[in-house]
Structures are given as C-alpha cells and as structure tokens.
Amino acid sequence: MTIVNIGVFIMFTAELRSIIFQVITSWQVIVVTIAVLLYIFLINYVMKARRRRKKPTTEKKTKKSKTTVEDAEVDDSDLGLEE
C-alpha cells in the first residue's frame, strides 16, 4: 500500500513540475514579467532624475541668498554727498 502511495506522489510531483514549467514559459507570463521590469526601471529612472534636478536648485538658492546678504551690507557712511 505504501509503494502505491509513493508512486502516486512521484507522478504528482512530475506532473506538477511540468505544469509549473509550462506556466512559467508561457508567453503571457513572460510579457507581463518584462512589462513589470520595464515599469520598475522607468520609475527608478524618473526618481533619480528628480533627485539630480533638485540638488542644483537648492545650491542656486543658497548662492542667491548669499548675494542678497552681500548687497544688503552696503556701507552707509559714504553716500557720495559732500557736506
């Protein structure tokens, strides 16, 4: 009785392996997998591009603020007026 059960189990696993292999190699699964991978790569590319674009804008803002601080420190003692 145990020999029959083991034989059925081996046959079941062989059929299961063949079905899983057929599912994995079907064109629908391959196309969906490629589409998901392309979508993930696109999202990562956009996020990296946004991070790169944000860094220079913060540096430009700091440069502008430094120039405005320097412009604000004008020497008021000499206005060019003669007394």
Protein backbone atom coordinates (compact mmCIF):
# COMPACT_ATOMS: atom_id res chain seq x y z
CA MET A 1 0.00 0.00 0.00
CA THR A 2 2.82 2.43 0.74
CA ILE A 3 4.50 1.65 -2.59
CA VAL A 4 1.38 2.74 -4.46
CA ASN A 5 1.18 6.00 -2.47
CA ILE A 6 4.82 6.81 -3.17
CA GLY A 7 4.30 6.09 -6.87
CA VAL A 8 1.28 8.41 -6.97
CA PHE A 9 3.26 11.10 -5.14
CA ILE A 10 6.17 10.86 -7.60
CA MET A 11 3.77 11.02 -10.54
CA PHE A 12 2.00 14.00 -8.95
CA THR A 13 5.27 15.91 -8.49
CA ALA A 14 6.35 15.16 -12.07
CA GLU A 15 3.03 16.45 -13.39
CA LEU A 16 3.24 19.46 -11.11
CA ARG A 17 6.77 20.25 -12.30
CA SER A 18 5.72 20.05 -15.94
CA ILE A 19 2.68 22.27 -15.35
CA ILE A 20 4.76 24.87 -13.47
CA PHE A 21 7.35 24.83 -16.26
CA GLN A 22 4.63 25.34 -18.89
CA VAL A 23 3.13 28.23 -16.92
CA ILE A 24 6.46 29.97 -16.40
CA THR A 25 7.44 29.64 -20.05
CA SER A 26 4.08 30.76 -21.43
CA TRP A 27 4.18 33.96 -23.48
CA GLN A 28 1.70 35.76 -21.22
CA VAL A 29 3.84 35.33 -18.12
CA ILE A 30 6.99 36.37 -20.00
CA VAL A 31 5.34 39.52 -21.42
CA VAL A 32 3.90 40.56 -18.06
CA THR A 33 7.25 39.97 -16.34
CA ILE A 34 9.07 42.12 -18.92
CA ALA A 35 6.43 44.85 -18.62
CA VAL A 36 6.72 44.93 -14.82
CA LEU A 37 10.52 45.10 -15.01
CA LEU A 38 10.39 47.95 -17.53
CA TYR A 39 7.92 49.81 -15.32
CA ILE A 40 10.20 49.44 -12.28
CA PHE A 41 13.23 50.65 -14.25
CA LEU A 42 11.24 53.63 -15.54
CA ILE A 43 10.12 54.61 -12.05
CA ASN A 44 13.70 54.35 -10.74
CA TYR A 45 14.98 56.47 -13.64
CA VAL A 46 12.40 59.19 -13.02
CA MET A 47 13.16 59.26 -9.29
CA LYS A 48 16.91 59.57 -9.92
CA ALA A 49 16.32 62.33 -12.45
CA ARG A 50 14.16 64.25 -9.97
CA ARG A 51 16.81 63.93 -7.25
CA ARG A 52 19.51 65.17 -9.62
CA ARG A 53 17.37 68.11 -10.71
CA LYS A 54 16.53 69.17 -7.13
CA LYS A 55 20.15 69.44 -5.90
CA PRO A 56 21.29 72.26 -8.22
CA THR A 57 18.18 74.33 -7.48
CA THR A 58 18.98 74.30 -3.75
CA GLU A 59 22.55 75.37 -4.48
CA LYS A 60 21.33 78.20 -6.68
CA LYS A 61 19.02 79.40 -3.93
CA THR A 62 21.87 79.49 -1.44
CA LYS A 63 24.04 81.44 -3.90
CA LYS A 64 21.25 83.94 -4.43
CA SER A 65 20.74 84.37 -0.72
CA LYS A 66 24.48 84.99 -0.23
CA THR A 67 24.50 87.70 -2.89
CA THR A 68 21.47 89.38 -1.36
CA VAL A 69 23.16 89.36 2.04
CA GLU A 70 26.28 90.92 0.49
CA ASP A 71 24.18 93.54 -1.30
CA ALA A 72 22.41 94.37 1.94
CA GLU A 73 25.71 95.14 3.65
CA VAL A 74 26.30 98.40 1.82
CA ASP A 75 28.50 100.94 3.57
CA ASP A 76 26.10 103.75 4.52
CA SER A 77 28.81 106.02 5.90
CA ASP A 78 29.81 107.29 2.46
CA LEU A 79 26.77 108.12 0.36
CA GLY A 80 28.69 110.31 -2.06
CA LEU A 81 27.32 113.52 -0.59
CA GLU A 82 29.67 116.31 0.28
CA GLU A 83 28.98 118.27 3.42
